Full PDB file with SEQRES, HELIX, SHEET, SSBOND, CRYST1, ORIGX, SCALE, CONECT and MASTER records, all heavy atoms in Angstrom:
SEQRES   1 A   38  LEU GLN SER VAL ALA PHE VAL ARG ASN GLU ARG ALA TRP          
SEQRES   2 A   38  LEU GLU ALA ARG LEU ARG CYS LEU PRO GLY VAL GLU PRO          
SEQRES   3 A   38  ILE PRO SER ASP ALA ASN PHE ILE SER VAL ARG MET              
HELIX    1 AA1 GLN A    2  LEU A   18  1                                  17    
SHEET    1 AA1 2 GLU A  25  ILE A  27  0                                        
SHEET    2 AA1 2 SER A  35  ARG A  37 -1                                        
CRYST1    1.000    1.000    1.000  90.00  90.00  90.00 P 1           1          
ORIGX1      1.000000  0.000000  0.000000        0.00000                         
ORIGX2      0.000000  1.000000  0.000000        0.00000                         
ORIGX3      0.000000  0.000000  1.000000        0.00000                         
SCALE1      1.000000  0.000000  0.000000        0.00000                         
SCALE2      0.000000  1.000000  0.000000        0.00000                         
SCALE3      0.000000  0.000000  1.000000        0.00000                         
ATOM      1  N   LEU A   1       0.828  -1.205   0.000  1.00  0.00           N  
ATOM      2  CA  LEU A   1       0.000   0.000   0.000  1.00  0.00           C  
ATOM      3  C   LEU A   1       0.865   1.259   0.000  1.00  0.00           C  
ATOM      4  O   LEU A   1       0.569   2.234  -0.699  1.00  0.00           O  
ATOM      5  CB  LEU A   1      -0.926  -0.007   1.220  1.00  0.00           C  
ATOM      6  CG  LEU A   1      -2.032  -1.073   1.214  1.00  0.00           C  
ATOM      7  CD1 LEU A   1      -2.751  -1.108   2.556  1.00  0.00           C  
ATOM      8  CD2 LEU A   1      -3.022  -0.808   0.087  1.00  0.00           C  
ATOM      9  N   GLN A   2       1.929   1.252   0.790  1.00  0.00           N  
ATOM     10  CA  GLN A   2       2.843   2.391   0.815  1.00  0.00           C  
ATOM     11  C   GLN A   2       3.477   2.612  -0.556  1.00  0.00           C  
ATOM     12  O   GLN A   2       3.656   3.754  -0.998  1.00  0.00           O  
ATOM     13  CB  GLN A   2       3.927   2.159   1.864  1.00  0.00           C  
ATOM     14  CG  GLN A   2       3.428   2.179   3.300  1.00  0.00           C  
ATOM     15  CD  GLN A   2       4.473   1.669   4.278  1.00  0.00           C  
ATOM     16  OE1 GLN A   2       5.638   1.469   3.924  1.00  0.00           O  
ATOM     17  NE2 GLN A   2       4.063   1.451   5.522  1.00  0.00           N  
ATOM     18  N   SER A   3       3.799   1.516  -1.232  1.00  0.00           N  
ATOM     19  CA  SER A   3       4.452   1.618  -2.539  1.00  0.00           C  
ATOM     20  C   SER A   3       3.530   2.247  -3.573  1.00  0.00           C  
ATOM     21  O   SER A   3       3.949   3.109  -4.353  1.00  0.00           O  
ATOM     22  CB  SER A   3       4.894   0.226  -3.017  1.00  0.00           C  
ATOM     23  OG  SER A   3       5.850  -0.336  -2.127  1.00  0.00           O  
ATOM     24  N   VAL A   4       2.274   1.821  -3.595  1.00  0.00           N  
ATOM     25  CA  VAL A   4       1.314   2.375  -4.552  1.00  0.00           C  
ATOM     26  C   VAL A   4       1.152   3.872  -4.328  1.00  0.00           C  
ATOM     27  O   VAL A   4       1.189   4.678  -5.273  1.00  0.00           O  
ATOM     28  CB  VAL A   4      -0.045   1.660  -4.436  1.00  0.00           C  
ATOM     29  CG1 VAL A   4      -1.096   2.370  -5.289  1.00  0.00           C  
ATOM     30  CG2 VAL A   4       0.080   0.204  -4.866  1.00  0.00           C  
ATOM     31  N   ALA A   5       0.973   4.274  -3.068  1.00  0.00           N  
ATOM     32  CA  ALA A   5       0.781   5.691  -2.750  1.00  0.00           C  
ATOM     33  C   ALA A   5       2.032   6.501  -3.071  1.00  0.00           C  
ATOM     34  O   ALA A   5       1.942   7.613  -3.620  1.00  0.00           O  
ATOM     35  CB  ALA A   5       0.408   5.847  -1.274  1.00  0.00           C  
ATOM     36  N   PHE A   6       3.187   5.957  -2.742  1.00  0.00           N  
ATOM     37  CA  PHE A   6       4.436   6.675  -2.978  1.00  0.00           C  
ATOM     38  C   PHE A   6       4.646   6.924  -4.465  1.00  0.00           C  
ATOM     39  O   PHE A   6       4.968   8.041  -4.881  1.00  0.00           O  
ATOM     40  CB  PHE A   6       5.615   5.894  -2.399  1.00  0.00           C  
ATOM     41  CG  PHE A   6       6.940   6.588  -2.571  1.00  0.00           C  
ATOM     42  CD1 PHE A   6       7.414   7.441  -1.597  1.00  0.00           C  
ATOM     43  CD2 PHE A   6       7.711   6.391  -3.712  1.00  0.00           C  
ATOM     44  CE1 PHE A   6       8.628   8.096  -1.760  1.00  0.00           C  
ATOM     45  CE2 PHE A   6       8.923   7.041  -3.885  1.00  0.00           C  
ATOM     46  CZ  PHE A   6       9.380   7.897  -2.901  1.00  0.00           C  
ATOM     47  N   VAL A   7       4.481   5.884  -5.259  1.00  0.00           N  
ATOM     48  CA  VAL A   7       4.705   6.021  -6.702  1.00  0.00           C  
ATOM     49  C   VAL A   7       3.697   6.982  -7.316  1.00  0.00           C  
ATOM     50  O   VAL A   7       4.060   7.818  -8.167  1.00  0.00           O  
ATOM     51  CB  VAL A   7       4.655   4.644  -7.390  1.00  0.00           C  
ATOM     52  CG1 VAL A   7       4.584   4.791  -8.906  1.00  0.00           C  
ATOM     53  CG2 VAL A   7       5.870   3.815  -7.004  1.00  0.00           C  
ATOM     54  N   ARG A   8       2.446   6.900  -6.909  1.00  0.00           N  
ATOM     55  CA  ARG A   8       1.431   7.803  -7.462  1.00  0.00           C  
ATOM     56  C   ARG A   8       1.802   9.268  -7.185  1.00  0.00           C  
ATOM     57  O   ARG A   8       1.770  10.117  -8.082  1.00  0.00           O  
ATOM     58  CB  ARG A   8       0.069   7.489  -6.845  1.00  0.00           C  
ATOM     59  CG  ARG A   8      -1.053   8.383  -7.385  1.00  0.00           C  
ATOM     60  CD  ARG A   8      -2.396   8.023  -6.784  1.00  0.00           C  
ATOM     61  NE  ARG A   8      -2.408   8.176  -5.328  1.00  0.00           N  
ATOM     62  CZ  ARG A   8      -2.522   7.164  -4.477  1.00  0.00           C  
ATOM     63  NH1 ARG A   8      -2.618   5.915  -4.909  1.00  0.00           N  
ATOM     64  NH2 ARG A   8      -2.541   7.379  -3.181  1.00  0.00           N  
ATOM     65  N   ASN A   9       2.195   9.572  -5.969  1.00  0.00           N  
ATOM     66  CA  ASN A   9       2.512  10.951  -5.604  1.00  0.00           C  
ATOM     67  C   ASN A   9       3.815  11.423  -6.242  1.00  0.00           C  
ATOM     68  O   ASN A   9       3.902  12.553  -6.752  1.00  0.00           O  
ATOM     69  CB  ASN A   9       2.604  11.082  -4.079  1.00  0.00           C  
ATOM     70  CG  ASN A   9       1.272  10.860  -3.396  1.00  0.00           C  
ATOM     71  OD1 ASN A   9       0.215  11.073  -3.989  1.00  0.00           O  
ATOM     72  ND2 ASN A   9       1.301  10.398  -2.152  1.00  0.00           N  
ATOM     73  N   GLU A  10       4.841  10.576  -6.220  1.00  0.00           N  
ATOM     74  CA  GLU A  10       6.142  10.978  -6.762  1.00  0.00           C  
ATOM     75  C   GLU A  10       6.091  11.078  -8.285  1.00  0.00           C  
ATOM     76  O   GLU A  10       6.763  11.930  -8.876  1.00  0.00           O  
ATOM     77  CB  GLU A  10       7.217   9.991  -6.315  1.00  0.00           C  
ATOM     78  CG  GLU A  10       8.642  10.500  -6.489  1.00  0.00           C  
ATOM     79  CD  GLU A  10       8.954  11.701  -5.616  1.00  0.00           C  
ATOM     80  OE1 GLU A  10       8.225  11.945  -4.632  1.00  0.00           O  
ATOM     81  OE2 GLU A  10       9.943  12.410  -5.925  1.00  0.00           O  
ATOM     82  N   ARG A  11       5.293  10.226  -8.917  1.00  0.00           N  
ATOM     83  CA  ARG A  11       5.139  10.292 -10.371  1.00  0.00           C  
ATOM     84  C   ARG A  11       4.527  11.637 -10.784  1.00  0.00           C  
ATOM     85  O   ARG A  11       4.987  12.282 -11.744  1.00  0.00           O  
ATOM     86  CB  ARG A  11       4.262   9.142 -10.845  1.00  0.00           C  
ATOM     87  CG  ARG A  11       4.071   9.072 -12.360  1.00  0.00           C  
ATOM     88  CD  ARG A  11       3.219   7.866 -12.713  1.00  0.00           C  
ATOM     89  NE  ARG A  11       1.898   7.931 -12.119  1.00  0.00           N  
ATOM     90  CZ  ARG A  11       1.219   6.876 -11.660  1.00  0.00           C  
ATOM     91  NH1 ARG A  11       1.725   5.665 -11.722  1.00  0.00           N  
ATOM     92  NH2 ARG A  11       0.014   7.034 -11.134  1.00  0.00           N  
ATOM     93  N   ALA A  12       3.514  12.083 -10.044  1.00  0.00           N  
ATOM     94  CA  ALA A  12       2.882  13.373 -10.346  1.00  0.00           C  
ATOM     95  C   ALA A  12       3.875  14.520 -10.137  1.00  0.00           C  
ATOM     96  O   ALA A  12       3.931  15.461 -10.950  1.00  0.00           O  
ATOM     97  CB  ALA A  12       1.649  13.566  -9.467  1.00  0.00           C  
ATOM     98  N   TRP A  13       4.653  14.450  -9.061  1.00  0.00           N  
ATOM     99  CA  TRP A  13       5.651  15.489  -8.785  1.00  0.00           C  
ATOM    100  C   TRP A  13       6.700  15.538  -9.897  1.00  0.00           C  
ATOM    101  O   TRP A  13       7.048  16.621 -10.396  1.00  0.00           O  
ATOM    102  CB  TRP A  13       6.311  15.208  -7.439  1.00  0.00           C  
ATOM    103  CG  TRP A  13       7.351  16.213  -7.042  1.00  0.00           C  
ATOM    104  CD1 TRP A  13       7.151  17.347  -6.307  1.00  0.00           C  
ATOM    105  CD2 TRP A  13       8.743  16.180  -7.364  1.00  0.00           C  
ATOM    106  NE1 TRP A  13       8.345  18.031  -6.151  1.00  0.00           N  
ATOM    107  CE2 TRP A  13       9.336  17.344  -6.787  1.00  0.00           C  
ATOM    108  CE3 TRP A  13       9.556  15.307  -8.067  1.00  0.00           C  
ATOM    109  CZ2 TRP A  13      10.694  17.625  -6.906  1.00  0.00           C  
ATOM    110  CZ3 TRP A  13      10.911  15.583  -8.191  1.00  0.00           C  
ATOM    111  CH2 TRP A  13      11.469  16.730  -7.622  1.00  0.00           C  
ATOM    112  N   LEU A  14       7.194  14.362 -10.279  1.00  0.00           N  
ATOM    113  CA  LEU A  14       8.250  14.294 -11.283  1.00  0.00           C  
ATOM    114  C   LEU A  14       7.741  14.742 -12.651  1.00  0.00           C  
ATOM    115  O   LEU A  14       8.430  15.471 -13.375  1.00  0.00           O  
ATOM    116  CB  LEU A  14       8.793  12.868 -11.349  1.00  0.00           C  
ATOM    117  CG  LEU A  14       9.948  12.596 -12.310  1.00  0.00           C  
ATOM    118  CD1 LEU A  14      11.119  13.522 -12.037  1.00  0.00           C  
ATOM    119  CD2 LEU A  14      10.381  11.128 -12.200  1.00  0.00           C  
ATOM    120  N   GLU A  15       6.534  14.332 -13.016  1.00  0.00           N  
ATOM    121  CA  GLU A  15       5.973  14.738 -14.309  1.00  0.00           C  
ATOM    122  C   GLU A  15       5.828  16.254 -14.388  1.00  0.00           C  
ATOM    123  O   GLU A  15       6.143  16.872 -15.414  1.00  0.00           O  
ATOM    124  CB  GLU A  15       4.620  14.074 -14.531  1.00  0.00           C  
ATOM    125  CG  GLU A  15       3.984  14.432 -15.862  1.00  0.00           C  
ATOM    126  CD  GLU A  15       2.597  13.839 -16.033  1.00  0.00           C  
ATOM    127  OE1 GLU A  15       2.322  12.769 -15.447  1.00  0.00           O  
ATOM    128  OE2 GLU A  15       1.786  14.456 -16.753  1.00  0.00           O  
ATOM    129  N   ALA A  16       5.377  16.869 -13.297  1.00  0.00           N  
ATOM    130  CA  ALA A  16       5.203  18.321 -13.287  1.00  0.00           C  
ATOM    131  C   ALA A  16       6.534  19.037 -13.483  1.00  0.00           C  
ATOM    132  O   ALA A  16       6.611  20.048 -14.198  1.00  0.00           O  
ATOM    133  CB  ALA A  16       4.556  18.757 -11.974  1.00  0.00           C  
ATOM    134  N   ARG A  17       7.587  18.541 -12.881  1.00  0.00           N  
ATOM    135  CA  ARG A  17       8.892  19.187 -13.022  1.00  0.00           C  
ATOM    136  C   ARG A  17       9.526  18.923 -14.378  1.00  0.00           C  
ATOM    137  O   ARG A  17      10.237  19.771 -14.913  1.00  0.00           O  
ATOM    138  CB  ARG A  17       9.816  18.749 -11.896  1.00  0.00           C  
ATOM    139  CG  ARG A  17       9.693  19.678 -10.693  1.00  0.00           C  
ATOM    140  CD  ARG A  17       9.185  18.934  -9.476  1.00  0.00           C  
ATOM    141  NE  ARG A  17       8.854  19.921  -8.430  1.00  0.00           N  
ATOM    142  CZ  ARG A  17       7.595  20.136  -8.041  1.00  0.00           C  
ATOM    143  NH1 ARG A  17       6.579  19.509  -8.631  1.00  0.00           N  
ATOM    144  NH2 ARG A  17       7.341  20.983  -7.057  1.00  0.00           N  
ATOM    145  N   LEU A  18       9.257  17.772 -14.940  1.00  0.00           N  
ATOM    146  CA  LEU A  18       9.754  17.504 -16.286  1.00  0.00           C  
ATOM    147  C   LEU A  18       9.142  18.471 -17.291  1.00  0.00           C  
ATOM    148  O   LEU A  18       9.804  18.892 -18.254  1.00  0.00           O  
ATOM    149  CB  LEU A  18       9.436  16.059 -16.679  1.00  0.00           C  
ATOM    150  CG  LEU A  18      10.294  14.970 -16.032  1.00  0.00           C  
ATOM    151  CD1 LEU A  18       9.662  13.602 -16.238  1.00  0.00           C  
ATOM    152  CD2 LEU A  18      11.712  14.985 -16.602  1.00  0.00           C  
ATOM    153  N   ARG A  19       7.898  18.850 -17.084  1.00  0.00           N  
ATOM    154  CA  ARG A  19       7.227  19.761 -18.005  1.00  0.00           C  
ATOM    155  C   ARG A  19       7.878  21.146 -18.001  1.00  0.00           C  
ATOM    156  O   ARG A  19       7.678  21.931 -18.939  1.00  0.00           O  
ATOM    157  CB  ARG A  19       5.747  19.884 -17.639  1.00  0.00           C  
ATOM    158  CG  ARG A  19       4.952  18.619 -17.909  1.00  0.00           C  
ATOM    159  CD  ARG A  19       3.460  18.830 -17.807  1.00  0.00           C  
ATOM    160  NE  ARG A  19       2.753  17.564 -18.018  1.00  0.00           N  
ATOM    161  CZ  ARG A  19       2.521  17.033 -19.192  1.00  0.00           C  
ATOM    162  NH1 ARG A  19       2.921  17.672 -20.289  1.00  0.00           N  
ATOM    163  NH2 ARG A  19       1.897  15.881 -19.298  1.00  0.00           N  
ATOM    164  N   CYS A  20       8.646  21.435 -16.964  1.00  0.00           N  
ATOM    165  CA  CYS A  20       9.318  22.735 -16.892  1.00  0.00           C  
ATOM    166  C   CYS A  20      10.627  22.756 -17.664  1.00  0.00           C  
ATOM    167  O   CYS A  20      11.214  23.834 -17.850  1.00  0.00           O  
ATOM    168  CB  CYS A  20       9.581  23.090 -15.424  1.00  0.00           C  
ATOM    169  SG  CYS A  20       8.078  23.316 -14.435  1.00  0.00           S  
ATOM    170  N   LEU A  21      11.100  21.608 -18.110  1.00  0.00           N  
ATOM    171  CA  LEU A  21      12.337  21.550 -18.877  1.00  0.00           C  
ATOM    172  C   LEU A  21      12.056  21.960 -20.323  1.00  0.00           C  
ATOM    173  O   LEU A  21      11.043  21.554 -20.899  1.00  0.00           O  
ATOM    174  CB  LEU A  21      12.928  20.143 -18.844  1.00  0.00           C  
ATOM    175  CG  LEU A  21      13.372  19.608 -17.480  1.00  0.00           C  
ATOM    176  CD1 LEU A  21      13.818  18.151 -17.601  1.00  0.00           C  
ATOM    177  CD2 LEU A  21      14.489  20.449 -16.895  1.00  0.00           C  
ATOM    178  N   PRO A  22      12.943  22.723 -20.934  1.00  0.00           N  
ATOM    179  CA  PRO A  22      12.708  23.137 -22.333  1.00  0.00           C  
ATOM    180  C   PRO A  22      12.825  21.956 -23.295  1.00  0.00           C  
ATOM    181  O   PRO A  22      13.679  21.086 -23.139  1.00  0.00           O  
ATOM    182  CB  PRO A  22      13.832  24.157 -22.579  1.00  0.00           C  
ATOM    183  CG  PRO A  22      14.892  23.824 -21.573  1.00  0.00           C  
ATOM    184  CD  PRO A  22      14.171  23.324 -20.366  1.00  0.00           C  
ATOM    185  N   GLY A  23      11.933  21.929 -24.284  1.00  0.00           N  
ATOM    186  CA  GLY A  23      11.984  20.906 -25.322  1.00  0.00           C  
ATOM    187  C   GLY A  23      11.558  19.529 -24.875  1.00  0.00           C  
ATOM    188  O   GLY A  23      11.887  18.539 -25.525  1.00  0.00           O  
ATOM    189  N   VAL A  24      10.782  19.466 -23.789  1.00  0.00           N  
ATOM    190  CA  VAL A  24      10.445  18.174 -23.181  1.00  0.00           C  
ATOM    191  C   VAL A  24       8.934  18.035 -23.039  1.00  0.00           C  
ATOM    192  O   VAL A  24       8.248  18.985 -22.644  1.00  0.00           O  
ATOM    193  CB  VAL A  24      11.121  18.050 -21.799  1.00  0.00           C  
ATOM    194  CG1 VAL A  24      10.445  16.998 -20.944  1.00  0.00           C  
ATOM    195  CG2 VAL A  24      12.594  17.708 -21.959  1.00  0.00           C  
ATOM    196  N   GLU A  25       8.417  16.862 -23.355  1.00  0.00           N  
ATOM    197  CA  GLU A  25       6.985  16.570 -23.189  1.00  0.00           C  
ATOM    198  C   GLU A  25       6.809  15.207 -22.529  1.00  0.00           C  
ATOM    199  O   GLU A  25       6.842  14.170 -23.195  1.00  0.00           O  
ATOM    200  CB  GLU A  25       6.268  16.577 -24.539  1.00  0.00           C  
ATOM    201  CG  GLU A  25       4.777  16.286 -24.425  1.00  0.00           C  
ATOM    202  CD  GLU A  25       4.104  16.042 -25.765  1.00  0.00           C  
ATOM    203  OE1 GLU A  25       4.779  16.223 -26.805  1.00  0.00           O  
ATOM    204  OE2 GLU A  25       2.930  15.651 -25.767  1.00  0.00           O  
ATOM    205  N   PRO A  26       6.602  15.162 -21.193  1.00  0.00           N  
ATOM    206  CA  PRO A  26       6.357  13.879 -20.537  1.00  0.00           C  
ATOM    207  C   PRO A  26       4.985  13.318 -20.895  1.00  0.00           C  
ATOM    208  O   PRO A  26       4.026  14.069 -21.100  1.00  0.00           O  
ATOM    209  CB  PRO A  26       6.438  14.218 -19.047  1.00  0.00           C  
ATOM    210  CG  PRO A  26       6.127  15.669 -18.970  1.00  0.00           C  
ATOM    211  CD  PRO A  26       6.620  16.280 -20.251  1.00  0.00           C  
ATOM    212  N   ILE A  27       4.898  11.997 -20.984  1.00  0.00           N  
ATOM    213  CA  ILE A  27       3.656  11.321 -21.336  1.00  0.00           C  
ATOM    214  C   ILE A  27       3.004  10.792 -20.059  1.00  0.00           C  
ATOM    215  O   ILE A  27       3.634  10.057 -19.300  1.00  0.00           O  
ATOM    216  CB  ILE A  27       3.936  10.150 -22.300  1.00  0.00           C  
ATOM    217  CG1 ILE A  27       4.600  10.672 -23.588  1.00  0.00           C  
ATOM    218  CG2 ILE A  27       2.651   9.398 -22.632  1.00  0.00           C  
ATOM    219  CD1 ILE A  27       5.092   9.573 -24.497  1.00  0.00           C  
ATOM    220  N   PRO A  28       1.747  11.156 -19.778  1.00  0.00           N  
ATOM    221  CA  PRO A  28       1.073  10.660 -18.569  1.00  0.00           C  
ATOM    222  C   PRO A  28       1.110   9.134 -18.501  1.00  0.00           C  
ATOM    223  O   PRO A  28       0.908   8.448 -19.501  1.00  0.00           O  
ATOM    224  CB  PRO A  28      -0.361  11.185 -18.725  1.00  0.00           C  
ATOM    225  CG  PRO A  28      -0.224  12.392 -19.594  1.00  0.00           C  
ATOM    226  CD  PRO A  28       0.887  12.069 -20.559  1.00  0.00           C  
ATOM    227  N   SER A  29       1.373   8.618 -17.302  1.00  0.00           N  
ATOM    228  CA  SER A  29       1.605   7.183 -17.140  1.00  0.00           C  
ATOM    229  C   SER A  29       0.828   6.634 -15.961  1.00  0.00           C  
ATOM    230  O   SER A  29       0.621   7.321 -14.951  1.00  0.00           O  
ATOM    231  CB  SER A  29       3.108   6.938 -16.933  1.00  0.00           C  
ATOM    232  OG  SER A  29       3.377   5.608 -16.544  1.00  0.00           O  
ATOM    233  N   ASP A  30       0.407   5.366 -16.072  1.00  0.00           N  
ATOM    234  CA  ASP A  30      -0.213   4.642 -14.964  1.00  0.00           C  
ATOM    235  C   ASP A  30       0.791   3.769 -14.221  1.00  0.00           C  
ATOM    236  O   ASP A  30       0.427   3.124 -13.236  1.00  0.00           O  
ATOM    237  CB  ASP A  30      -1.347   3.737 -15.476  1.00  0.00           C  
ATOM    238  CG  ASP A  30      -2.543   4.526 -15.979  1.00  0.00           C  
ATOM    239  OD1 ASP A  30      -2.833   5.587 -15.397  1.00  0.00           O  
ATOM    240  OD2 ASP A  30      -3.184   4.077 -16.946  1.00  0.00           O  
ATOM    241  N   ALA A  31       2.029   3.729 -14.699  1.00  0.00           N  
ATOM    242  CA  ALA A  31       3.022   2.809 -14.149  1.00  0.00           C  
ATOM    243  C   ALA A  31       4.041   3.564 -13.291  1.00  0.00           C  
ATOM    244  O   ALA A  31       3.841   4.730 -12.936  1.00  0.00           O  
ATOM    245  CB  ALA A  31       3.718   2.059 -15.287  1.00  0.00           C  
ATOM    246  N   ASN A  32       5.134   2.920 -12.958  1.00  0.00           N  
ATOM    247  CA  ASN A  32       6.177   3.523 -12.127  1.00  0.00           C  
ATOM    248  C   ASN A  32       7.302   4.097 -12.984  1.00  0.00           C  
ATOM    249  O   ASN A  32       8.456   4.123 -12.567  1.00  0.00           O  
ATOM    250  CB  ASN A  32       6.748   2.493 -11.147  1.00  0.00           C  
ATOM    251  CG  ASN A  32       7.414   1.323 -11.846  1.00  0.00           C  
ATOM    252  OD1 ASN A  32       6.964   0.893 -12.910  1.00  0.00           O  
ATOM    253  ND2 ASN A  32       8.484   0.822 -11.264  1.00  0.00           N  
ATOM    254  N   PHE A  33       6.946   4.529 -14.174  1.00  0.00           N  
ATOM    255  CA  PHE A  33       7.907   5.162 -15.064  1.00  0.00           C  
ATOM    256  C   PHE A  33       7.192   6.231 -15.891  1.00  0.00           C  
ATOM    257  O   PHE A  33       5.959   6.243 -15.990  1.00  0.00           O  
ATOM    258  CB  PHE A  33       8.581   4.140 -15.992  1.00  0.00           C  
ATOM    259  CG  PHE A  33       7.615   3.287 -16.767  1.00  0.00           C  
ATOM    260  CD1 PHE A  33       7.023   3.759 -17.932  1.00  0.00           C  
ATOM    261  CD2 PHE A  33       7.288   2.010 -16.332  1.00  0.00           C  
ATOM    262  CE1 PHE A  33       6.129   2.974 -18.653  1.00  0.00           C  
ATOM    263  CE2 PHE A  33       6.391   1.219 -17.048  1.00  0.00           C  
ATOM    264  CZ  PHE A  33       5.812   1.702 -18.208  1.00  0.00           C  
ATOM    265  N   ILE A  34       7.984   7.122 -16.463  1.00  0.00           N  
ATOM    266  CA  ILE A  34       7.458   8.180 -17.324  1.00  0.00           C  
ATOM    267  C   ILE A  34       8.289   8.201 -18.594  1.00  0.00           C  
ATOM    268  O   ILE A  34       9.520   8.184 -18.537  1.00  0.00           O  
ATOM    269  CB  ILE A  34       7.537   9.560 -16.639  1.00  0.00           C  
ATOM    270  CG1 ILE A  34       6.750   9.566 -15.328  1.00  0.00           C  
ATOM    271  CG2 ILE A  34       7.021  10.658 -17.567  1.00  0.00           C  
ATOM    272  CD1 ILE A  34       6.931  10.834 -14.512  1.00  0.00           C  
ATOM    273  N   SER A  35       7.633   8.224 -19.730  1.00  0.00           N  
ATOM    274  CA  SER A  35       8.325   8.412 -20.995  1.00  0.00           C  
ATOM    275  C   SER A  35       8.262   9.880 -21.383  1.00  0.00           C  
ATOM    276  O   SER A  35       7.271  10.566 -21.111  1.00  0.00           O  
ATOM    277  CB  SER A  35       7.704   7.548 -22.096  1.00  0.00           C  
ATOM    278  OG  SER A  35       8.068   6.197 -21.907  1.00  0.00           O  
ATOM    279  N   VAL A  36       9.332  10.351 -22.010  1.00  0.00           N  
ATOM    280  CA  VAL A  36       9.465  11.765 -22.319  1.00  0.00           C  
ATOM    281  C   VAL A  36       9.839  11.932 -23.788  1.00  0.00           C  
ATOM    282  O   VAL A  36      10.846  11.385 -24.249  1.00  0.00           O  
ATOM    283  CB  VAL A  36      10.546  12.422 -21.432  1.00  0.00           C  
ATOM    284  CG1 VAL A  36      10.698  13.899 -21.781  1.00  0.00           C  
ATOM    285  CG2 VAL A  36      10.200  12.254 -19.959  1.00  0.00           C  
ATOM    286  N   ARG A  37       9.017  12.688 -24.518  1.00  0.00           N  
ATOM    287  CA  ARG A  37       9.359  13.068 -25.896  1.00  0.00           C  
ATOM    288  C   ARG A  37      10.182  14.356 -25.851  1.00  0.00           C  
ATOM    289  O   ARG A  37       9.926  15.235 -25.026  1.00  0.00           O  
ATOM    290  CB  ARG A  37       8.108  13.281 -26.728  1.00  0.00           C  
ATOM    291  CG  ARG A  37       7.289  12.020 -26.921  1.00  0.00           C  
ATOM    292  CD  ARG A  37       6.259  12.181 -28.017  1.00  0.00           C  
ATOM    293  NE  ARG A  37       5.480  10.966 -28.158  1.00  0.00           N  
ATOM    294  CZ  ARG A  37       5.888   9.886 -28.815  1.00  0.00           C  
ATOM    295  NH1 ARG A  37       7.080   9.890 -29.404  1.00  0.00           N  
ATOM    296  NH2 ARG A  37       5.124   8.819 -28.895  1.00  0.00           N  
ATOM    297  N   MET A  38      11.157  14.457 -26.762  1.00  0.00           N  
ATOM    298  CA  MET A  38      12.047  15.611 -26.751  1.00  0.00           C  
ATOM    299  C   MET A  38      12.263  16.112 -28.169  1.00  0.00           C  
ATOM    300  O   MET A  38      12.119  15.353 -29.124  1.00  0.00           O  
ATOM    301  CB  MET A  38      13.394  15.222 -26.122  1.00  0.00           C  
ATOM    302  CG  MET A  38      13.263  14.624 -24.724  1.00  0.00           C  
ATOM    303  SD  MET A  38      14.843  14.009 -24.119  1.00  0.00           S  
ATOM    304  CE  MET A  38      15.259  12.816 -25.393  1.00  0.00           C  
TER     305      MET A  38                                                      
MASTER        0    0    0    1    2    0    0    6  304    1    0    3          
END                                                                             
């Protein structure tokens, strides 16, 4: 349960910060990884 909650919250945090990088487009994900188009 801790793992599911941790990944959900950290994934949202990481995706938001990736969007601030120039030339980067993170793809919303249901898993414990994020793909990024550049």
